[in-house]
Amino acid sequence: MSIGVGDPAPPIELPAHDAARWRLADRRGRPVVLIFHRHLH
């Protein structure tokens, strides 16, 4: 999957620190920065 500049983001749902779910759709219309990294041991 590729996303270009200005393209809408796909639906994203992630686990939150408090066992809730974090949904990108809940932040629609607000700036959001997502940073993905691999945790290396």
PDB file of N, CA and C in Angstrom:
ATOM      1  N   MET A   1       0.845  -1.159   0.000  1.00  0.00           N
ATOM      2  CA  MET A   1       0.000   0.000   0.000  1.00  0.00           C
ATOM      3  C   MET A   1       0.898   1.231   0.000  1.00  0.00           C
ATOM      4  N   SER A   2       0.549   2.191  -0.794  1.00  0.00           N
ATOM      5  CA  SER A   2       1.292   3.448  -0.775  1.00  0.00           C
ATOM      6  C   SER A   2       0.312   4.602  -0.603  1.00  0.00           C
ATOM      7  N   ILE A   3       0.774   5.629   0.076  1.00  0.00           N
ATOM      8  CA  ILE A   3      -0.027   6.826   0.321  1.00  0.00           C
ATOM      9  C   ILE A   3       0.785   8.013  -0.152  1.00  0.00           C
ATOM     10  N   GLY A   4       0.176   8.850  -0.950  1.00  0.00           N
ATOM     11  CA  GLY A   4       0.851  10.032  -1.447  1.00  0.00           C
ATOM     12  C   GLY A   4       0.491  11.264  -0.633  1.00  0.00           C
ATOM     13  N   VAL A   5       1.252  12.306  -0.819  1.00  0.00           N
ATOM     14  CA  VAL A   5       0.981  13.574  -0.146  1.00  0.00           C
ATOM     15  C   VAL A   5      -0.408  14.050  -0.549  1.00  0.00           C
ATOM     16  N   GLY A   6      -1.214  14.398   0.417  1.00  0.00           N
ATOM     17  CA  GLY A   6      -2.564  14.884   0.162  1.00  0.00           C
ATOM     18  C   GLY A   6      -3.621  13.796   0.088  1.00  0.00           C
ATOM     19  N   ASP A   7      -3.194  12.525   0.044  1.00  0.00           N
ATOM     20  CA  ASP A   7      -4.152  11.419   0.028  1.00  0.00           C
ATOM     21  C   ASP A   7      -4.747  11.238   1.419  1.00  0.00           C
ATOM     22  N   PRO A   8      -6.018  10.847   1.485  1.00  0.00           N
ATOM     23  CA  PRO A   8      -6.572  10.541   2.804  1.00  0.00           C
ATOM     24  C   PRO A   8      -5.930   9.282   3.375  1.00  0.00           C
ATOM     25  N   ALA A   9      -5.760   9.257   4.662  1.00  0.00           N
ATOM     26  CA  ALA A   9      -5.173   8.083   5.318  1.00  0.00           C
ATOM     27  C   ALA A   9      -6.212   6.967   5.387  1.00  0.00           C
ATOM     28  N   PRO A  10      -5.759   5.735   5.332  1.00  0.00           N
ATOM     29  CA  PRO A  10      -6.684   4.614   5.489  1.00  0.00           C
ATOM     30  C   PRO A  10      -7.149   4.527   6.948  1.00  0.00           C
ATOM     31  N   PRO A  11      -8.212   3.788   7.208  1.00  0.00           N
ATOM     32  CA  PRO A  11      -8.643   3.614   8.603  1.00  0.00           C
ATOM     33  C   PRO A  11      -7.524   2.971   9.424  1.00  0.00           C
ATOM     34  N   ILE A  12      -7.247   3.550  10.576  1.00  0.00           N
ATOM     35  CA  ILE A  12      -6.199   3.031  11.457  1.00  0.00           C
ATOM     36  C   ILE A  12      -6.787   2.896  12.853  1.00  0.00           C
ATOM     37  N   GLU A  13      -6.587   1.741  13.460  1.00  0.00           N
ATOM     38  CA  GLU A  13      -6.997   1.519  14.846  1.00  0.00           C
ATOM     39  C   GLU A  13      -5.856   0.803  15.552  1.00  0.00           C
ATOM     40  N   LEU A  14      -5.430   1.357  16.684  1.00  0.00           N
ATOM     41  CA  LEU A  14      -4.283   0.828  17.414  1.00  0.00           C
ATOM     42  C   LEU A  14      -4.625   0.669  18.889  1.00  0.00           C
ATOM     43  N   PRO A  15      -3.942  -0.243  19.586  1.00  0.00           N
ATOM     44  CA  PRO A  15      -4.156  -0.334  21.031  1.00  0.00           C
ATOM     45  C   PRO A  15      -3.554   0.887  21.722  1.00  0.00           C
ATOM     46  N   ALA A  16      -4.262   1.411  22.699  1.00  0.00           N
ATOM     47  CA  ALA A  16      -3.771   2.546  23.480  1.00  0.00           C
ATOM     48  C   ALA A  16      -3.165   2.038  24.785  1.00  0.00           C
ATOM     49  N   HIS A  17      -2.483   2.907  25.487  1.00  0.00           N
ATOM     50  CA  HIS A  17      -1.791   2.524  26.722  1.00  0.00           C
ATOM     51  C   HIS A  17      -2.745   2.086  27.828  1.00  0.00           C
ATOM     52  N   ASP A  18      -4.008   2.488  27.771  1.00  0.00           N
ATOM     53  CA  ASP A  18      -4.968   2.164  28.839  1.00  0.00           C
ATOM     54  C   ASP A  18      -5.922   1.037  28.445  1.00  0.00           C
ATOM     55  N   ALA A  19      -5.522   0.201  27.507  1.00  0.00           N
ATOM     56  CA  ALA A  19      -6.301  -0.944  27.013  1.00  0.00           C
ATOM     57  C   ALA A  19      -7.488  -0.521  26.153  1.00  0.00           C
ATOM     58  N   ALA A  20      -7.620   0.755  25.881  1.00  0.00           N
ATOM     59  CA  ALA A  20      -8.653   1.229  24.963  1.00  0.00           C
ATOM     60  C   ALA A  20      -8.126   1.107  23.534  1.00  0.00           C
ATOM     61  N   ARG A  21      -8.922   1.511  22.574  1.00  0.00           N
ATOM     62  CA  ARG A  21      -8.496   1.513  21.177  1.00  0.00           C
ATOM     63  C   ARG A  21      -8.341   2.959  20.724  1.00  0.00           C
ATOM     64  N   TRP A  22      -7.279   3.250  20.001  1.00  0.00           N
ATOM     65  CA  TRP A  22      -7.018   4.575  19.438  1.00  0.00           C
ATOM     66  C   TRP A  22      -7.414   4.526  17.973  1.00  0.00           C
ATOM     67  N   ARG A  23      -8.377   5.358  17.568  1.00  0.00           N
ATOM     68  CA  ARG A  23      -8.859   5.338  16.185  1.00  0.00           C
ATOM     69  C   ARG A  23      -8.574   6.675  15.501  1.00  0.00           C
ATOM     70  N   LEU A  24      -7.979   6.600  14.343  1.00  0.00           N
ATOM     71  CA  LEU A  24      -7.697   7.806  13.570  1.00  0.00           C
ATOM     72  C   LEU A  24      -8.990   8.541  13.226  1.00  0.00           C
ATOM     73  N   ALA A  25     -10.054   7.816  12.947  1.00  0.00           N
ATOM     74  CA  ALA A  25     -11.332   8.434  12.579  1.00  0.00           C
ATOM     75  C   ALA A  25     -11.855   9.363  13.679  1.00  0.00           C
ATOM     76  N   ASP A  26     -11.509   9.085  14.931  1.00  0.00           N
ATOM     77  CA  ASP A  26     -11.946   9.936  16.041  1.00  0.00           C
ATOM     78  C   ASP A  26     -11.257  11.293  16.030  1.00  0.00           C
ATOM     79  N   ARG A  27     -10.195  11.435  15.265  1.00  0.00           N
ATOM     80  CA  ARG A  27      -9.439  12.688  15.199  1.00  0.00           C
ATOM     81  C   ARG A  27      -9.620  13.405  13.863  1.00  0.00           C
ATOM     82  N   ARG A  28     -10.616  13.013  13.106  1.00  0.00           N
ATOM     83  CA  ARG A  28     -10.849  13.601  11.779  1.00  0.00           C
ATOM     84  C   ARG A  28     -10.967  15.127  11.880  1.00  0.00           C
ATOM     85  N   GLY A  29     -10.266  15.821  10.994  1.00  0.00           N
ATOM     86  CA  GLY A  29     -10.300  17.275  10.960  1.00  0.00           C
ATOM     87  C   GLY A  29      -9.270  17.943  11.863  1.00  0.00           C
ATOM     88  N   ARG A  30      -8.524  17.144  12.626  1.00  0.00           N
ATOM     89  CA  ARG A  30      -7.485  17.691  13.499  1.00  0.00           C
ATOM     90  C   ARG A  30      -6.128  17.179  13.034  1.00  0.00           C
ATOM     91  N   PRO A  31      -5.073  17.949  13.231  1.00  0.00           N
ATOM     92  CA  PRO A  31      -3.740  17.475  12.849  1.00  0.00           C
ATOM     93  C   PRO A  31      -3.333  16.264  13.693  1.00  0.00           C
ATOM     94  N   VAL A  32      -2.742  15.285  13.041  1.00  0.00           N
ATOM     95  CA  VAL A  32      -2.261  14.076  13.718  1.00  0.00           C
ATOM     96  C   VAL A  32      -0.902  13.723  13.132  1.00  0.00           C
ATOM     97  N   VAL A  33       0.038  13.386  13.991  1.00  0.00           N
ATOM     98  CA  VAL A  33       1.346  12.906  13.549  1.00  0.00           C
ATOM     99  C   VAL A  33       1.487  11.474  14.040  1.00  0.00           C
ATOM    100  N   LEU A  34       1.696  10.555  13.121  1.00  0.00           N
ATOM    101  CA  LEU A  34       1.930   9.154  13.463  1.00  0.00           C
ATOM    102  C   LEU A  34       3.377   8.826  13.162  1.00  0.00           C
ATOM    103  N   ILE A  35       4.036   8.216  14.114  1.00  0.00           N
ATOM    104  CA  ILE A  35       5.425   7.807  13.929  1.00  0.00           C
ATOM    105  C   ILE A  35       5.487   6.302  14.145  1.00  0.00           C
ATOM    106  N   PHE A  36       5.943   5.594  13.150  1.00  0.00           N
ATOM    107  CA  PHE A  36       6.077   4.145  13.233  1.00  0.00           C
ATOM    108  C   PHE A  36       7.557   3.801  13.306  1.00  0.00           C
ATOM    109  N   HIS A  37       7.902   2.916  14.196  1.00  0.00           N
ATOM    110  CA  HIS A  37       9.283   2.460  14.291  1.00  0.00           C
ATOM    111  C   HIS A  37       9.273   0.998  14.697  1.00  0.00           C
ATOM    112  N   ARG A  38      10.339   0.338  14.389  1.00  0.00           N
ATOM    113  CA  ARG A  38      10.495  -1.056  14.800  1.00  0.00           C
ATOM    114  C   ARG A  38      11.252  -1.072  16.112  1.00  0.00           C
ATOM    115  N   HIS A  39      10.741  -1.808  17.043  1.00  0.00           N
ATOM    116  CA  HIS A  39      11.422  -1.953  18.327  1.00  0.00           C
ATOM    117  C   HIS A  39      12.397  -3.113  18.195  1.00  0.00           C
ATOM    118  N   LEU A  40      13.661  -2.811  18.231  1.00  0.00           N
ATOM    119  CA  LEU A  40      14.685  -3.841  18.070  1.00  0.00           C
ATOM    120  C   LEU A  40      15.237  -4.227  19.431  1.00  0.00           C
ATOM    121  N   HIS A  41      15.353  -5.499  19.662  1.00  0.00           N
ATOM    122  CA  HIS A  41      15.903  -5.994  20.938  1.00  0.00           C
ATOM    123  C   HIS A  41      17.362  -6.287  20.785  1.00  0.00           C
TER     124      HIS A  41
END
